Protein backbone atom coordinates (compact mmCIF):
# COMPACT_ATOMS: atom_id res chain seq x y z
CA MET A 1 0.00 0.00 0.00
CA TRP A 2 2.73 2.44 0.98
CA GLY A 3 4.77 1.47 -2.09
CA ILE A 4 1.83 2.47 -4.33
CA HIS A 5 1.39 5.79 -2.52
CA SER A 6 5.13 6.40 -2.74
CA MET A 7 5.19 5.66 -6.50
CA ASN A 8 2.17 7.89 -7.14
CA ALA A 9 3.70 10.77 -5.22
CA LYS A 10 7.02 10.25 -7.01
CA MET A 11 5.34 10.20 -10.45
CA TYR A 12 3.38 13.36 -9.73
CA LEU A 13 6.52 15.15 -8.59
CA ILE A 14 8.51 14.03 -11.68
CA ILE A 15 5.74 15.21 -14.03
CA TYR A 16 5.36 18.44 -12.09
CA TYR A 17 9.07 19.29 -12.14
CA SER A 18 9.46 18.21 -15.79
CA ILE A 19 6.62 20.44 -16.95
CA ALA A 20 7.92 23.27 -14.81
CA GLY A 21 11.41 22.77 -16.29
CA VAL A 22 10.11 22.88 -19.86
CA ILE A 23 8.07 26.01 -19.20
CA ILE A 24 10.97 27.74 -17.48
CA SER A 25 13.41 26.75 -20.26
CA LEU A 26 11.04 27.93 -23.00
CA PHE A 27 10.27 31.15 -21.18
CA THR A 28 13.95 31.84 -20.55
CA ALA A 29 14.91 31.22 -24.18
CA VAL A 30 12.12 33.37 -25.62
CA MET A 31 12.78 36.20 -23.18
CA THR A 32 16.49 36.07 -23.92
CA TYR A 33 15.97 36.51 -27.65
CA TRP A 34 13.34 39.16 -27.05
CA ILE A 35 15.63 41.17 -24.79
CA ILE A 36 18.52 41.11 -27.24
CA ASP A 37 16.04 41.98 -30.00
CA VAL A 38 16.77 38.99 -32.24
CA PRO A 39 13.90 37.83 -34.49
CA ILE A 40 12.65 34.33 -33.66
CA GLY A 41 12.32 32.37 -36.88
CA SER A 42 11.75 28.72 -37.59
CA LYS A 43 15.45 27.92 -37.21
CA MET A 44 15.59 29.73 -33.91
CA MET A 45 12.52 27.87 -32.64
CA PHE A 46 14.15 24.63 -33.74
CA LYS A 47 17.27 25.51 -31.74
CA ILE A 48 15.14 26.37 -28.72
CA PHE A 49 13.35 23.03 -29.10
CA LEU A 50 16.66 21.15 -29.28
CA THR A 51 17.91 23.02 -26.20
CA ILE A 52 14.81 22.00 -24.27
CA LEU A 53 15.19 18.38 -25.39
CA ALA A 54 18.82 18.43 -24.26
CA THR A 55 17.87 19.73 -20.82
CA LEU A 56 14.96 17.31 -20.31
CA PRO A 57 17.16 14.37 -19.16
CA ILE A 58 18.80 16.61 -16.56
CA ILE A 59 15.40 17.90 -15.45
CA GLY A 60 14.09 14.34 -15.38
CA ILE A 61 16.99 13.05 -13.28
CA LEU A 62 16.73 15.95 -10.83
CA SER A 63 12.96 15.51 -10.65
CA TYR A 64 13.38 11.81 -9.99
CA LEU A 65 15.90 12.38 -7.20
CA ILE A 66 13.81 15.12 -5.57
CA GLY A 67 10.62 13.12 -6.04
CA ASP A 68 12.21 9.99 -4.59
CA CYS A 69 13.39 11.88 -1.51
CA LEU A 70 10.16 13.78 -0.94
CA SER A 71 7.82 10.87 -1.69
CA GLY A 72 9.77 8.60 0.65
CA ARG A 73 9.56 11.18 3.39
CA LEU A 74 5.86 11.80 2.81
CA ALA A 75 5.21 8.05 2.75
CA ALA A 76 7.00 7.72 6.11
CA ILE A 77 4.84 10.50 7.58
CA SER A 78 1.68 8.90 6.15
CA HIS A 79 2.78 5.58 7.63
CA CYS A 80 3.26 7.23 11.03
CA LEU A 81 -0.20 8.81 10.88
CA ASN A 82 -1.75 5.49 9.90
CA ASP A 83 -0.02 3.76 12.83
CA ILE A 84 -1.32 6.42 15.22
CA SER A 85 -4.86 5.96 13.86
CA GLU A 86 -4.53 2.23 14.67
CA ASP A 87 -3.40 2.96 18.26
CA LYS A 88 0.23 2.16 17.43
CA PHE A 89 1.67 5.25 19.02
CA LEU A 90 5.37 4.45 19.14
CA VAL A 91 6.55 5.22 15.60
CA ASP A 92 10.08 4.90 14.26
CA LYS A 93 12.04 8.07 13.74
CA HIS A 94 13.72 8.41 10.32
CA GLU A 95 16.98 10.27 10.01
CA GLU A 96 16.61 11.88 6.55
CA SER A 97 16.57 15.63 6.85
CA ILE A 98 14.54 18.02 4.72
CA THR A 99 13.88 21.02 6.89
CA ASP A 100 10.12 21.61 6.52
CA ILE A 101 9.05 17.98 6.17
CA ASN A 102 11.51 16.90 8.84
CA ALA A 103 9.93 19.41 11.24
CA ILE A 104 6.50 17.87 10.56
CA HIS A 105 7.87 14.37 11.04
CA GLU A 106 9.59 15.45 14.26
CA SER A 107 6.30 16.85 15.58
CA ILE A 108 4.47 13.62 14.71
CA HIS A 109 7.23 11.59 16.37
CA GLU A 110 6.96 13.67 19.55
CA LEU A 111 3.16 13.54 19.47
CA SER A 112 3.19 9.76 19.11
CA HIS A 113 5.31 9.36 22.23
CA ARG A 114 3.13 11.76 24.20
CA LEU A 115 0.04 9.86 23.13
CA GLU A 116 1.65 6.53 23.99
CA ASN A 117 2.61 7.78 27.46
CA SER A 118 -0.90 9.15 27.99
CA ILE A 119 -2.49 5.86 26.93
CA VAL A 120 -0.17 3.86 29.22
CA THR A 121 -1.00 6.17 32.14
CA LEU A 122 -4.73 5.97 31.46
CA LYS A 123 -4.63 2.17 31.21
CA LYS A 124 -2.67 1.96 34.46
CA ASN A 125 -5.09 4.33 36.23
CA ASN A 126 -8.04 2.41 34.83
CA ALA A 127 -6.60 -0.89 36.08
CA GLN A 128 -5.99 0.65 39.52
CA LEU A 129 -9.55 2.02 39.56
CA ASN A 130 -10.98 -1.40 38.69
CA ASN A 131 -8.90 -3.06 41.41
CA MET A 132 -9.97 -0.39 43.87
CA ILE A 133 -13.66 -0.87 43.05
CA ARG A 134 -13.35 -4.66 43.43
CA SER A 135 -11.56 -4.31 46.77
CA LEU A 136 -14.01 -1.67 47.98
CA SER A 137 -16.97 -3.83 47.00
CA HIS A 138 -15.47 -6.79 48.87
CA ASP A 139 -14.73 -4.72 51.98
CA ILE A 140 -18.25 -3.28 52.08
CA LYS A 141 -19.98 -6.57 51.31
CA THR A 142 -18.82 -8.30 54.51
CA PRO A 143 -20.24 -5.80 57.05
CA LEU A 144 -23.39 -5.30 54.97
CA THR A 145 -24.00 -9.06 54.97
CA ILE A 146 -23.59 -9.15 58.77
CA ILE A 147 -25.93 -6.18 59.23
CA GLU A 148 -28.52 -7.66 56.86
CA GLY A 149 -28.45 -11.03 58.63
CA TYR A 150 -28.99 -9.60 62.10
CA LEU A 151 -31.70 -7.21 60.89
CA GLU A 152 -33.60 -10.16 59.42
CA GLU A 153 -33.33 -12.01 62.75
CA LEU A 154 -34.62 -8.94 64.59
CA GLU A 155 -37.43 -8.53 62.08
CA ASP A 156 -38.44 -12.20 62.37
CA GLY A 157 -38.48 -11.95 66.18
CA ILE A 158 -36.06 -14.83 66.71
CA VAL A 159 -33.67 -12.73 68.79
CA THR A 160 -34.16 -13.04 72.53
CA LYS A 161 -34.17 -10.07 74.84
CA ALA A 162 -30.85 -11.22 76.31
CA GLN A 163 -29.25 -11.35 72.84
CA LYS A 164 -30.35 -7.88 71.74
CA PRO A 165 -27.59 -5.84 73.47
CA GLU A 166 -24.87 -7.99 71.88
CA ILE A 167 -26.49 -7.82 68.42
CA ILE A 168 -26.97 -4.05 68.67
CA ALA A 169 -23.29 -3.70 69.61
CA ILE A 170 -22.31 -5.75 66.53
CA LEU A 171 -24.55 -3.64 64.29
CA LYS A 172 -22.99 -0.45 65.65
CA LYS A 173 -19.50 -1.86 65.13
CA GLU A 174 -20.17 -2.84 61.50
CA THR A 175 -21.85 0.49 60.78
CA ALA A 176 -18.85 2.31 62.23
CA TYR A 177 -16.58 0.19 60.04
CA ILE A 178 -18.46 1.22 56.89
CA ALA A 179 -18.40 4.88 57.95
CA GLU A 180 -14.66 4.72 58.62
CA LEU A 181 -14.03 2.95 55.31
CA SER A 182 -16.01 5.63 53.47
CA SER A 183 -14.03 8.35 55.21
CA GLU A 184 -10.74 6.67 54.31
CA VAL A 185 -11.74 6.31 50.65
CA ILE A 186 -12.61 10.02 50.54
CA ARG A 187 -9.20 10.82 52.05
CA TYR A 188 -7.52 8.70 49.40
CA LEU A 189 -9.36 10.42 46.55
CA GLN A 190 -8.66 13.86 48.02
CA SER A 191 -4.95 13.07 48.34
CA PHE A 192 -4.67 13.39 44.55
CA GLU A 193 -6.04 16.92 44.55
CA ILE A 194 -4.76 18.57 47.73
CA GLN A 195 -2.71 21.67 47.00
CA ALA A 196 0.38 21.65 49.21
CA GLN A 197 0.83 24.69 51.45
CA LYS A 198 4.57 24.36 51.91
CA LYS A 199 6.58 25.92 54.68
CA THR A 200 10.01 25.29 56.14
CA ILE A 201 9.64 22.75 58.95
CA VAL A 202 12.23 22.28 61.69
CA LEU A 203 12.11 18.49 61.96
CA LYS A 204 13.24 18.01 65.55
CA ASP A 205 10.60 20.34 66.98
CA PHE A 206 7.95 19.07 64.60
CA LEU A 207 8.51 15.41 65.54
CA HIS A 208 8.62 16.17 69.26
CA GLU A 209 5.49 18.34 69.28
CA GLU A 210 3.28 17.07 66.45
CA VAL A 211 4.16 13.47 65.58
CA CYS A 212 5.60 11.40 68.42
CA PRO A 213 2.78 12.16 70.91
CA LEU A 214 0.37 10.43 68.50
CA VAL A 215 2.40 7.21 68.27
CA ARG A 216 2.15 4.36 70.78
CA VAL A 217 4.94 1.78 70.62
CA PRO A 218 4.96 -1.66 72.32
CA LYS A 219 6.63 -1.81 75.73
CA ASP A 220 9.61 -3.80 74.40
CA VAL A 221 10.27 -1.34 71.56
CA VAL A 222 12.42 1.78 71.82
CA LEU A 223 11.60 4.82 69.67
CA LYS A 224 14.85 6.52 68.65
CA CYS A 225 15.17 9.91 67.00
CA LYS A 226 18.42 10.97 65.30
CA ILE A 227 17.50 14.42 64.09
CA ASN A 228 19.78 17.45 64.29
CA GLU A 229 18.68 20.95 65.24
CA GLU A 230 19.39 22.27 61.74
CA ASP A 231 17.49 19.54 59.86
CA LYS A 232 14.60 21.04 57.90
CA MET A 233 12.14 20.14 55.15
CA ASP A 234 9.98 22.28 52.87
CA PHE A 235 6.65 20.52 53.23
CA ASP A 236 2.97 20.94 53.96
CA CYS A 237 2.65 20.52 57.75
CA ILE A 238 -0.57 18.51 57.70
CA ALA A 239 0.68 16.25 54.91
CA LEU A 240 4.04 15.57 56.60
CA LYS A 241 2.31 14.81 59.89
CA SER A 242 -0.05 12.37 58.17
CA ILE A 243 2.82 10.58 56.39
CA LEU A 244 5.06 10.23 59.44
CA VAL A 245 2.25 9.14 61.78
CA ASN A 246 1.21 6.49 59.26
CA LEU A 247 4.76 5.16 58.86
CA LEU A 248 5.39 5.10 62.61
CA HIS A 249 2.02 3.47 63.27
CA ASN A 250 2.84 0.71 60.77
CA ALA A 251 6.29 0.25 62.29
CA SER A 252 4.79 -0.05 65.79
CA LYS A 253 2.21 -2.56 64.60
CA HIS A 254 4.83 -4.87 63.07
CA THR A 255 7.63 -4.51 65.63
CA GLN A 256 7.22 -6.39 68.92
CA GLN A 257 10.75 -5.87 70.19
CA GLY A 258 13.84 -3.93 69.23
CA SER A 259 13.63 -0.36 67.99
CA ILE A 260 12.06 2.13 65.62
CA LEU A 261 14.46 4.75 64.29
CA ILE A 262 13.65 8.18 62.86
CA GLN A 263 16.70 9.56 61.09
CA SER A 264 17.27 12.59 58.90
CA LEU A 265 18.95 12.58 55.52
CA LYS A 266 19.66 15.44 53.13
CA ASN A 267 16.29 17.13 52.58
CA GLY A 268 14.46 14.03 53.73
CA ILE A 269 13.81 11.52 56.46
CA ILE A 270 14.17 7.76 57.10
CA ILE A 271 11.98 5.57 59.29
CA GLU A 272 13.21 2.05 59.92
CA ASP A 273 12.32 -0.71 62.36
CA THR A 274 13.55 -4.10 63.51
CA GLY A 275 10.20 -5.78 62.95
CA ILE A 276 9.07 -8.60 60.69
CA GLY A 277 9.98 -6.71 57.52
CA ILE A 278 8.22 -6.76 54.17
CA ASP A 279 8.42 -9.57 51.63
CA SER A 280 9.94 -8.63 48.25
CA GLN A 281 6.67 -9.42 46.45
CA ASP A 282 4.68 -7.36 48.93
CA ALA A 283 7.16 -4.49 48.54
CA LYS A 284 6.18 -4.17 44.87
CA MET A 285 2.52 -3.72 45.78
CA ILE A 286 2.75 -2.00 49.14
CA PHE A 287 1.67 1.42 47.84
CA GLU A 288 -1.31 0.10 45.85
CA PRO A 289 -4.73 1.03 47.32
CA PHE A 290 -6.40 -1.65 49.47
CA TYR A 291 -3.28 -3.83 49.43
CA CYS A 292 -2.47 -5.47 52.76
CA ALA A 293 0.81 -7.32 53.26
CA ASP A 294 -0.70 -9.03 56.31
CA LYS A 295 -3.14 -11.58 54.86
CA SER A 296 -4.86 -12.31 58.19
CA LYS A 297 -8.59 -11.70 58.40
CA ASN A 298 -8.34 -9.33 61.36
CA ARG A 299 -9.87 -6.18 59.87
CA GLN A 300 -9.16 -4.09 62.95
CA LYS A 301 -5.47 -5.04 62.82
CA ASN A 302 -5.01 -4.68 59.06
CA GLY A 303 -6.93 -1.49 58.47
CA PHE A 304 -8.06 -0.72 54.93
CA GLY A 305 -4.78 -0.79 53.03
CA LEU A 306 -5.06 2.88 52.03
CA GLY A 307 -2.62 4.51 54.45
CA LEU A 308 0.54 4.10 52.36
CA SER A 309 -1.31 4.97 49.15
CA ILE A 310 -2.43 8.24 50.73
CA ALA A 311 1.06 8.89 52.10
CA LYS A 312 2.61 8.34 48.66
CA ASN A 313 0.18 10.77 47.02
CA LEU A 314 0.80 13.41 49.70
CA ALA A 315 4.56 13.04 49.23
CA GLU A 316 4.27 13.51 45.47
CA ASN A 317 2.05 16.57 45.94
CA ASN A 318 4.95 18.13 47.85
CA GLY A 319 7.56 17.18 45.26
CA TYR A 320 8.93 14.26 47.30
CA VAL A 321 9.22 10.51 46.80
CA LEU A 322 8.11 7.94 49.36
CA ARG A 323 9.65 4.52 48.78
CA ILE A 324 10.65 1.35 50.56
CA ASP A 325 14.27 0.23 50.79
CA THR A 326 14.12 -3.32 49.43
CA TYR A 327 17.78 -3.96 50.34
CA TYR A 328 17.18 -3.44 54.06
CA LYS A 329 16.84 -6.89 55.67
CA ASN A 330 16.65 -6.14 59.41
CA GLY A 331 13.02 -5.06 59.30
CA ALA A 332 11.39 -2.37 57.17
CA ARG A 333 12.86 0.94 56.04
CA PHE A 334 10.96 3.77 54.35
CA LEU A 335 12.59 6.83 52.81
CA LEU A 336 10.92 10.19 52.19
CA HIS A 337 13.18 12.34 50.05
CA LYS A 338 13.51 14.58 46.99
């Protein structure tokens, strides 16, 4: 298909340049004799005709070369556009250089990569959204099933007076779970949109006054803080507090003895513990919404699996990266840095 288009374009260009060459040659010859005031007779016309015939091969060769170059370039651009129309966004970049056409090809090449990146991002976000909806549906279904079952028992009058207080307590607990889950999902969605109100934070004072009082560690665990007076971060106060409290809460939950260390690094902070650590497979998924490394069925212990996802989004909103150190083997280590 592209060979036919290329040949058609090449043929048109050859014909176009040949006709243009003949016209220009004829016009030049006639004007030359007119300017020098020489009468144009039959012999002169014959000479002009021979001159044109002599120049036609040169015009034809030049037309062929130009047509071959231009038609090949145009065919490549057409091929790129056809690939893009078929959702094949990553097109090959050709190295031939004709300024105007090359600029068009360069723009198409750049556009194709931007489109490809956008499609990849959209597909990834769509997959995450589908996973989130499935997980959310599963998490809501369990308490709703419990509530529905007990309401039916109450409606049918099969619950004794002695059982009612216990059942009411269960219904309240499951209702509170759904309310808390809804609140956490809203927090997760808002974490994409929150505009960071950055200010320079003195880490030592901030940890002592805002973060550590909210963290409860097991009795056999020591909370250590290696932060210097001059250590600072440019961060949104509420966002940084949320991130650090979440990381320290997770560390406390998975460390029964040993220590939890808060340590500064250049324009960042490290939180590490001597707990059970995180499996390499879990580490790849740890920041995905609703993902829980602990596969136990204790909902109260596991939470909703949104804390680290929210923390990651808040970090990115402030121009930082939150990641796990997969090489650390003595527990878990998280780094928040530029």
